[in-house]
């Protein structure tokens, strides 16, 4: 059962994001990064691309579910350029041929051990034709997930993070054989996206969201 009304169609998403002015943030005093929320049209409806970051000792985001993305290089002043470059590097998708549907609000990432706080920009794309994904060494897994299922009440869970002293965060299970949980920054980008298209995620978590990385 879908918890909220079914997600908007591609045309509705296109219209909603085309007229929306995102909230942007100055990276003064912080680093800068960008991610790409990539959609594709499948036989059963729209799907969104998730990656599982590879396990690396000392990496505060090791093993997390995420959108493709990463930090801006010194030569990059445009976060969109970084989002597209990182997507190409991480999963082999060329977003220069994709439709840019819109930009999401900038979010502030939490400071992690040895890593300064970041301002992260999010961009939404649609790919009409999708080549085979080619994950690089930074990616443990990459897969497509039905966007409508992200609003299925059964997929929403309380996710306890050991590094945060078992403090629970709102999360969404994705995947099939071995479900993963989207939480933290990626969950917050999903909140922004679904609110922007008029289909907010279930608000069952109250103040817990403000603690998410």
C-alpha atoms as a PDB file:
ATOM      1  CA  UNK A   1       0.000   0.000   0.000  1.00  0.00           C
ATOM      2  CA  UNK A   2       1.299   3.455  -0.883  1.00  0.00           C
ATOM      3  CA  UNK A   3       1.506   5.704   2.172  1.00  0.00           C
ATOM      4  CA  UNK A   4       0.897   8.933   0.251  1.00  0.00           C
ATOM      5  CA  UNK A   5      -0.709   9.575  -3.174  1.00  0.00           C
ATOM      6  CA  UNK A   6       1.284   8.015  -6.007  1.00  0.00           C
ATOM      7  CA  UNK A   7       4.338   9.951  -7.091  1.00  0.00           C
ATOM      8  CA  UNK A   8       3.976  12.490  -9.848  1.00  0.00           C
ATOM      9  CA  UNK A   9       4.492  11.573 -13.477  1.00  0.00           C
ATOM     10  CA  UNK A  10       7.589  12.698 -15.312  1.00  0.00           C
ATOM     11  CA  UNK A  11       5.663  15.585 -16.848  1.00  0.00           C
ATOM     12  CA  UNK A  12       4.389  16.698 -13.429  1.00  0.00           C
ATOM     13  CA  UNK A  13       7.915  16.513 -11.999  1.00  0.00           C
ATOM     14  CA  UNK A  14       9.211  18.461 -14.992  1.00  0.00           C
ATOM     15  CA  UNK A  15       6.659  21.248 -14.462  1.00  0.00           C
ATOM     16  CA  UNK A  16       7.116  21.396 -10.678  1.00  0.00           C
ATOM     17  CA  UNK A  17      10.906  21.663 -10.795  1.00  0.00           C
ATOM     18  CA  UNK A  18      10.991  24.022 -13.783  1.00  0.00           C
ATOM     19  CA  UNK A  19       9.122  26.731 -11.869  1.00  0.00           C
ATOM     20  CA  UNK A  20      10.696  26.161  -8.465  1.00  0.00           C
ATOM     21  CA  UNK A  21      13.436  28.428  -7.133  1.00  0.00           C
ATOM     22  CA  UNK A  22      15.787  26.331  -4.968  1.00  0.00           C
ATOM     23  CA  UNK A  23      17.318  27.589  -1.738  1.00  0.00           C
ATOM     24  CA  UNK A  24      21.050  27.956  -2.248  1.00  0.00           C
ATOM     25  CA  UNK A  25      23.741  28.339   0.402  1.00  0.00           C
ATOM     26  CA  UNK A  26      27.104  30.065   0.457  1.00  0.00           C
ATOM     27  CA  UNK A  27      30.002  27.640   0.961  1.00  0.00           C
ATOM     28  CA  UNK A  28      31.985  30.242   2.908  1.00  0.00           C
ATOM     29  CA  UNK A  29      33.809  28.390   5.673  1.00  0.00           C
ATOM     30  CA  UNK A  30      32.746  25.022   4.277  1.00  0.00           C
ATOM     31  CA  UNK A  31      33.728  22.718   1.477  1.00  0.00           C
ATOM     32  CA  UNK A  32      31.421  22.121  -1.455  1.00  0.00           C
ATOM     33  CA  UNK A  33      30.010  18.965  -3.023  1.00  0.00           C
ATOM     34  CA  UNK A  34      27.217  17.978  -5.404  1.00  0.00           C
ATOM     35  CA  UNK A  35      25.049  14.937  -6.128  1.00  0.00           C
ATOM     36  CA  UNK A  36      22.855  13.779  -8.999  1.00  0.00           C
ATOM     37  CA  UNK A  37      19.409  12.300  -8.482  1.00  0.00           C
ATOM     38  CA  UNK A  38      19.005  10.365 -11.733  1.00  0.00           C
ATOM     39  CA  UNK A  39      15.600   9.121 -12.907  1.00  0.00           C
ATOM     40  CA  UNK A  40      14.798   6.705 -15.715  1.00  0.00           C
ATOM     41  CA  UNK A  41      11.524   5.599 -17.274  1.00  0.00           C
ATOM     42  CA  UNK A  42      10.911   1.862 -16.799  1.00  0.00           C
ATOM     43  CA  UNK A  43       7.975  -0.316 -17.802  1.00  0.00           C
ATOM     44  CA  UNK A  44       6.460  -0.076 -14.302  1.00  0.00           C
ATOM     45  CA  UNK A  45       7.120   3.665 -13.890  1.00  0.00           C
ATOM     46  CA  UNK A  46       9.922   5.986 -12.884  1.00  0.00           C
ATOM     47  CA  UNK A  47      12.979   4.600 -11.108  1.00  0.00           C
ATOM     48  CA  UNK A  48      15.775   6.392  -9.254  1.00  0.00           C
ATOM     49  CA  UNK A  49      19.448   5.442  -9.138  1.00  0.00           C
ATOM     50  CA  UNK A  50      21.075   4.671  -5.786  1.00  0.00           C
ATOM     51  CA  UNK A  51      24.645   3.684  -5.078  1.00  0.00           C
ATOM     52  CA  UNK A  52      26.152   1.958  -2.069  1.00  0.00           C
ATOM     53  CA  UNK A  53      29.497   3.512  -1.284  1.00  0.00           C
ATOM     54  CA  UNK A  54      32.361   1.052  -1.071  1.00  0.00           C
ATOM     55  CA  UNK A  55      33.718   0.124   2.362  1.00  0.00           C
ATOM     56  CA  UNK A  56      36.854   2.113   3.179  1.00  0.00           C
ATOM     57  CA  UNK A  57      38.438   2.306   6.660  1.00  0.00           C
ATOM     58  CA  UNK A  58      38.370   5.864   7.980  1.00  0.00           C
ATOM     59  CA  UNK A  59      35.707   7.007   5.519  1.00  0.00           C
ATOM     60  CA  UNK A  60      32.773   8.455   7.546  1.00  0.00           C
ATOM     61  CA  UNK A  61      30.382   7.657   4.655  1.00  0.00           C
ATOM     62  CA  UNK A  62      31.719   4.159   4.039  1.00  0.00           C
ATOM     63  CA  UNK A  63      28.962   1.766   3.001  1.00  0.00           C
ATOM     64  CA  UNK A  64      26.224   4.416   2.994  1.00  0.00           C
ATOM     65  CA  UNK A  65      23.430   4.513   0.438  1.00  0.00           C
ATOM     66  CA  UNK A  66      23.678   7.677  -1.649  1.00  0.00           C
ATOM     67  CA  UNK A  67      23.216   9.413  -4.967  1.00  0.00           C
ATOM     68  CA  UNK A  68      26.288   9.609  -7.208  1.00  0.00           C
ATOM     69  CA  UNK A  69      28.350  12.668  -6.342  1.00  0.00           C
ATOM     70  CA  UNK A  70      31.286  14.126  -4.517  1.00  0.00           C
ATOM     71  CA  UNK A  71      33.358  17.197  -3.831  1.00  0.00           C
ATOM     72  CA  UNK A  72      34.080  19.934  -6.313  1.00  0.00           C
ATOM     73  CA  UNK A  73      37.583  19.890  -7.716  1.00  0.00           C
ATOM     74  CA  UNK A  74      39.647  23.104  -7.347  1.00  0.00           C
ATOM     75  CA  UNK A  75      39.023  23.945 -11.007  1.00  0.00           C
ATOM     76  CA  UNK A  76      35.240  23.565 -10.672  1.00  0.00           C
ATOM     77  CA  UNK A  77      33.151  26.542  -9.625  1.00  0.00           C
ATOM     78  CA  UNK A  78      29.825  25.096 -10.786  1.00  0.00           C
ATOM     79  CA  UNK A  79      28.394  22.304  -8.588  1.00  0.00           C
ATOM     80  CA  UNK A  80      26.409  20.941 -11.533  1.00  0.00           C
ATOM     81  CA  UNK A  81      29.688  20.224 -13.331  1.00  0.00           C
ATOM     82  CA  UNK A  82      30.891  18.269 -10.301  1.00  0.00           C
ATOM     83  CA  UNK A  83      27.647  16.267 -10.064  1.00  0.00           C
ATOM     84  CA  UNK A  84      27.914  15.249 -13.714  1.00  0.00           C
ATOM     85  CA  UNK A  85      31.627  14.454 -13.535  1.00  0.00           C
ATOM     86  CA  UNK A  86      31.229  12.349 -10.391  1.00  0.00           C
ATOM     87  CA  UNK A  87      28.290  10.445 -11.903  1.00  0.00           C
ATOM     88  CA  UNK A  88      30.370   9.636 -14.962  1.00  0.00           C
ATOM     89  CA  UNK A  89      33.301   8.522 -12.830  1.00  0.00           C
ATOM     90  CA  UNK A  90      31.306   6.516 -10.286  1.00  0.00           C
ATOM     91  CA  UNK A  91      28.756   4.691 -12.468  1.00  0.00           C
ATOM     92  CA  UNK A  92      29.656   5.485 -16.090  1.00  0.00           C
ATOM     93  CA  UNK A  93      26.568   7.575 -16.912  1.00  0.00           C
ATOM     94  CA  UNK A  94      27.030  10.570 -19.221  1.00  0.00           C
ATOM     95  CA  UNK A  95      24.575  13.185 -17.933  1.00  0.00           C
ATOM     96  CA  UNK A  96      25.485  15.653 -20.671  1.00  0.00           C
ATOM     97  CA  UNK A  97      22.918  13.740 -22.741  1.00  0.00           C
ATOM     98  CA  UNK A  98      20.323  13.714 -19.969  1.00  0.00           C
ATOM     99  CA  UNK A  99      17.483  16.158 -19.347  1.00  0.00           C
ATOM    100  CA  UNK A 100      18.156  18.403 -16.349  1.00  0.00           C
ATOM    101  CA  UNK A 101      14.780  18.546 -14.609  1.00  0.00           C
ATOM    102  CA  UNK A 102      15.822  20.989 -11.894  1.00  0.00           C
ATOM    103  CA  UNK A 103      17.919  21.784  -8.875  1.00  0.00           C
ATOM    104  CA  UNK A 104      17.071  20.872  -5.291  1.00  0.00           C
ATOM    105  CA  UNK A 105      17.773  23.003  -2.212  1.00  0.00           C
ATOM    106  CA  UNK A 106      21.369  23.109  -1.039  1.00  0.00           C
ATOM    107  CA  UNK A 107      21.881  21.153   2.170  1.00  0.00           C
ATOM    108  CA  UNK A 108      24.487  21.452   4.893  1.00  0.00           C
ATOM    109  CA  UNK A 109      26.296  18.222   5.645  1.00  0.00           C
ATOM    110  CA  UNK A 110      27.336  17.536   9.205  1.00  0.00           C
ATOM    111  CA  UNK A 111      31.001  17.678  10.176  1.00  0.00           C
ATOM    112  CA  UNK A 112      32.505  14.201  10.408  1.00  0.00           C
ATOM    113  CA  UNK A 113      35.771  12.980  11.912  1.00  0.00           C
ATOM    114  CA  UNK A 114      38.566  14.603   9.943  1.00  0.00           C
ATOM    115  CA  UNK A 115      36.139  15.990   7.364  1.00  0.00           C
ATOM    116  CA  UNK A 116      34.958  19.623   7.425  1.00  0.00           C
ATOM    117  CA  UNK A 117      31.322  20.561   7.008  1.00  0.00           C
ATOM    118  CA  UNK A 118      30.095  20.659   3.413  1.00  0.00           C
ATOM    119  CA  UNK A 119      27.463  22.511   1.421  1.00  0.00           C
ATOM    120  CA  UNK A 120      25.929  19.945  -0.938  1.00  0.00           C
ATOM    121  CA  UNK A 121      23.937  20.825  -4.058  1.00  0.00           C
ATOM    122  CA  UNK A 122      21.511  18.367  -5.656  1.00  0.00           C
ATOM    123  CA  UNK A 123      20.437  18.152  -9.297  1.00  0.00           C
ATOM    124  CA  UNK A 124      17.631  16.026 -10.774  1.00  0.00           C
ATOM    125  CA  UNK A 125      18.046  14.400 -14.204  1.00  0.00           C
ATOM    126  CA  UNK A 126      16.011  12.139 -16.458  1.00  0.00           C
ATOM    127  CA  UNK A 127      17.608   9.646 -18.829  1.00  0.00           C
ATOM    128  CA  UNK A 128      15.466   8.388 -21.697  1.00  0.00           C
ATOM    129  CA  UNK A 129      18.011   5.719 -22.613  1.00  0.00           C
ATOM    130  CA  UNK A 130      20.251   4.212 -19.949  1.00  0.00           C
ATOM    131  CA  UNK A 131      23.436   2.294 -20.752  1.00  0.00           C
ATOM    132  CA  UNK A 132      24.764  -0.453 -18.500  1.00  0.00           C
ATOM    133  CA  UNK A 133      26.001   0.894 -15.171  1.00  0.00           C
ATOM    134  CA  UNK A 134      29.767   0.642 -14.679  1.00  0.00           C
ATOM    135  CA  UNK A 135      30.533   1.200 -10.972  1.00  0.00           C
ATOM    136  CA  UNK A 136      34.118   2.176 -10.168  1.00  0.00           C
ATOM    137  CA  UNK A 137      36.186   1.349  -7.076  1.00  0.00           C
ATOM    138  CA  UNK A 138      34.330   3.959  -4.993  1.00  0.00           C
ATOM    139  CA  UNK A 139      31.010   2.155  -5.439  1.00  0.00           C
ATOM    140  CA  UNK A 140      30.096  -1.151  -3.832  1.00  0.00           C
ATOM    141  CA  UNK A 141      26.791  -1.483  -5.687  1.00  0.00           C
ATOM    142  CA  UNK A 142      24.549   0.562  -7.982  1.00  0.00           C
ATOM    143  CA  UNK A 143      20.908  -0.151  -8.799  1.00  0.00           C
ATOM    144  CA  UNK A 144      17.595   1.369  -9.835  1.00  0.00           C
ATOM    145  CA  UNK A 145      14.636   1.481  -7.441  1.00  0.00           C
ATOM    146  CA  UNK A 146      10.958   2.353  -8.140  1.00  0.00           C
ATOM    147  CA  UNK A 147      10.396   5.930  -7.063  1.00  0.00           C
ATOM    148  CA  UNK A 148       6.812   5.180  -6.032  1.00  0.00           C
ATOM    149  CA  UNK A 149       8.043   2.534  -3.576  1.00  0.00           C
ATOM    150  CA  UNK A 150       9.893   5.261  -1.660  1.00  0.00           C
ATOM    151  CA  UNK A 151       6.459   6.407  -0.437  1.00  0.00           C
ATOM    152  CA  UNK A 152       5.352   2.929   0.584  1.00  0.00           C
ATOM    153  CA  UNK A 153       4.762   2.979   4.343  1.00  0.00           C
ATOM    154  CA  UNK A 154       6.242  -0.515   4.683  1.00  0.00           C
ATOM    155  CA  UNK A 155       9.592   0.738   3.375  1.00  0.00           C
ATOM    156  CA  UNK A 156       9.975   3.424   6.060  1.00  0.00           C
ATOM    157  CA  UNK A 157      12.009   2.344   9.067  1.00  0.00           C
ATOM    158  CA  UNK A 158      13.794   3.645  12.130  1.00  0.00           C
ATOM    159  CA  UNK A 159      17.511   3.308  11.414  1.00  0.00           C
ATOM    160  CA  UNK A 160      19.898   3.130  14.368  1.00  0.00           C
ATOM    161  CA  UNK A 161      23.432   4.316  13.649  1.00  0.00           C
ATOM    162  CA  UNK A 162      26.123   2.777  15.904  1.00  0.00           C
ATOM    163  CA  UNK A 163      28.505   5.696  15.296  1.00  0.00           C
ATOM    164  CA  UNK A 164      25.848   8.048  16.625  1.00  0.00           C
ATOM    165  CA  UNK A 165      25.314   6.108  19.834  1.00  0.00           C
ATOM    166  CA  UNK A 166      22.379   4.140  18.386  1.00  0.00           C
ATOM    167  CA  UNK A 167      20.420   7.362  17.862  1.00  0.00           C
ATOM    168  CA  UNK A 168      17.580   6.465  15.450  1.00  0.00           C
ATOM    169  CA  UNK A 169      17.139   8.272  12.143  1.00  0.00           C
ATOM    170  CA  UNK A 170      14.289   8.138   9.647  1.00  0.00           C
ATOM    171  CA  UNK A 171      15.154   5.779   6.822  1.00  0.00           C
ATOM    172  CA  UNK A 172      13.752   4.066   3.738  1.00  0.00           C
ATOM    173  CA  UNK A 173      14.594   0.486   2.798  1.00  0.00           C
ATOM    174  CA  UNK A 174      15.613   0.009  -0.829  1.00  0.00           C
ATOM    175  CA  UNK A 175      16.784  -3.018  -2.772  1.00  0.00           C
ATOM    176  CA  UNK A 176      15.409  -6.535  -2.913  1.00  0.00           C
ATOM    177  CA  UNK A 177      17.653  -9.471  -2.035  1.00  0.00           C
ATOM    178  CA  UNK A 178      19.596  -7.502   0.578  1.00  0.00           C
ATOM    179  CA  UNK A 179      17.648  -4.359   1.448  1.00  0.00           C
ATOM    180  CA  UNK A 180      19.677  -1.277   2.203  1.00  0.00           C
ATOM    181  CA  UNK A 181      18.538   1.817   4.072  1.00  0.00           C
ATOM    182  CA  UNK A 182      18.611   5.364   2.731  1.00  0.00           C
ATOM    183  CA  UNK A 183      19.038   7.820   5.596  1.00  0.00           C
ATOM    184  CA  UNK A 184      20.865  11.031   6.504  1.00  0.00           C
ATOM    185  CA  UNK A 185      21.748  13.414   3.688  1.00  0.00           C
ATOM    186  CA  UNK A 186      20.218  11.309   0.901  1.00  0.00           C
ATOM    187  CA  UNK A 187      16.969  10.985   2.866  1.00  0.00           C
ATOM    188  CA  UNK A 188      16.925  14.763   3.301  1.00  0.00           C
ATOM    189  CA  UNK A 189      17.346  15.280  -0.448  1.00  0.00           C
ATOM    190  CA  UNK A 190      14.419  12.909  -1.013  1.00  0.00           C
ATOM    191  CA  UNK A 191      12.352  14.996   1.396  1.00  0.00           C
ATOM    192  CA  UNK A 192      13.160  18.122  -0.609  1.00  0.00           C
ATOM    193  CA  UNK A 193      12.343  16.400  -3.897  1.00  0.00           C
ATOM    194  CA  UNK A 194       9.013  14.889  -2.847  1.00  0.00           C
ATOM    195  CA  UNK A 195       7.892  18.123  -1.204  1.00  0.00           C
ATOM    196  CA  UNK A 196       8.801  20.034  -4.366  1.00  0.00           C
ATOM    197  CA  UNK A 197       6.621  17.777  -6.519  1.00  0.00           C
ATOM    198  CA  UNK A 198       3.707  17.926  -4.092  1.00  0.00           C
ATOM    199  CA  UNK A 199       4.046  14.447  -2.580  1.00  0.00           C
ATOM    200  CA  UNK A 200       5.762  14.884   0.839  1.00  0.00           C
ATOM    201  CA  UNK A 201       7.204  11.823   2.528  1.00  0.00           C
ATOM    202  CA  UNK A 202       5.446  10.594   5.679  1.00  0.00           C
ATOM    203  CA  UNK A 203       6.330  12.911   8.570  1.00  0.00           C
ATOM    204  CA  UNK A 204       6.600  10.306  11.310  1.00  0.00           C
ATOM    205  CA  UNK A 205       9.900  11.439  12.720  1.00  0.00           C
ATOM    206  CA  UNK A 206       9.548  14.996  13.960  1.00  0.00           C
ATOM    207  CA  UNK A 207      12.764  16.486  15.289  1.00  0.00           C
ATOM    208  CA  UNK A 208      14.865  13.406  14.479  1.00  0.00           C
ATOM    209  CA  UNK A 209      15.610  14.778  10.993  1.00  0.00           C
ATOM    210  CA  UNK A 210      17.555  17.754  12.307  1.00  0.00           C
ATOM    211  CA  UNK A 211      20.240  15.421  13.675  1.00  0.00           C
ATOM    212  CA  UNK A 212      20.775  13.524  10.430  1.00  0.00           C
ATOM    213  CA  UNK A 213      24.210  13.935   8.790  1.00  0.00           C
END
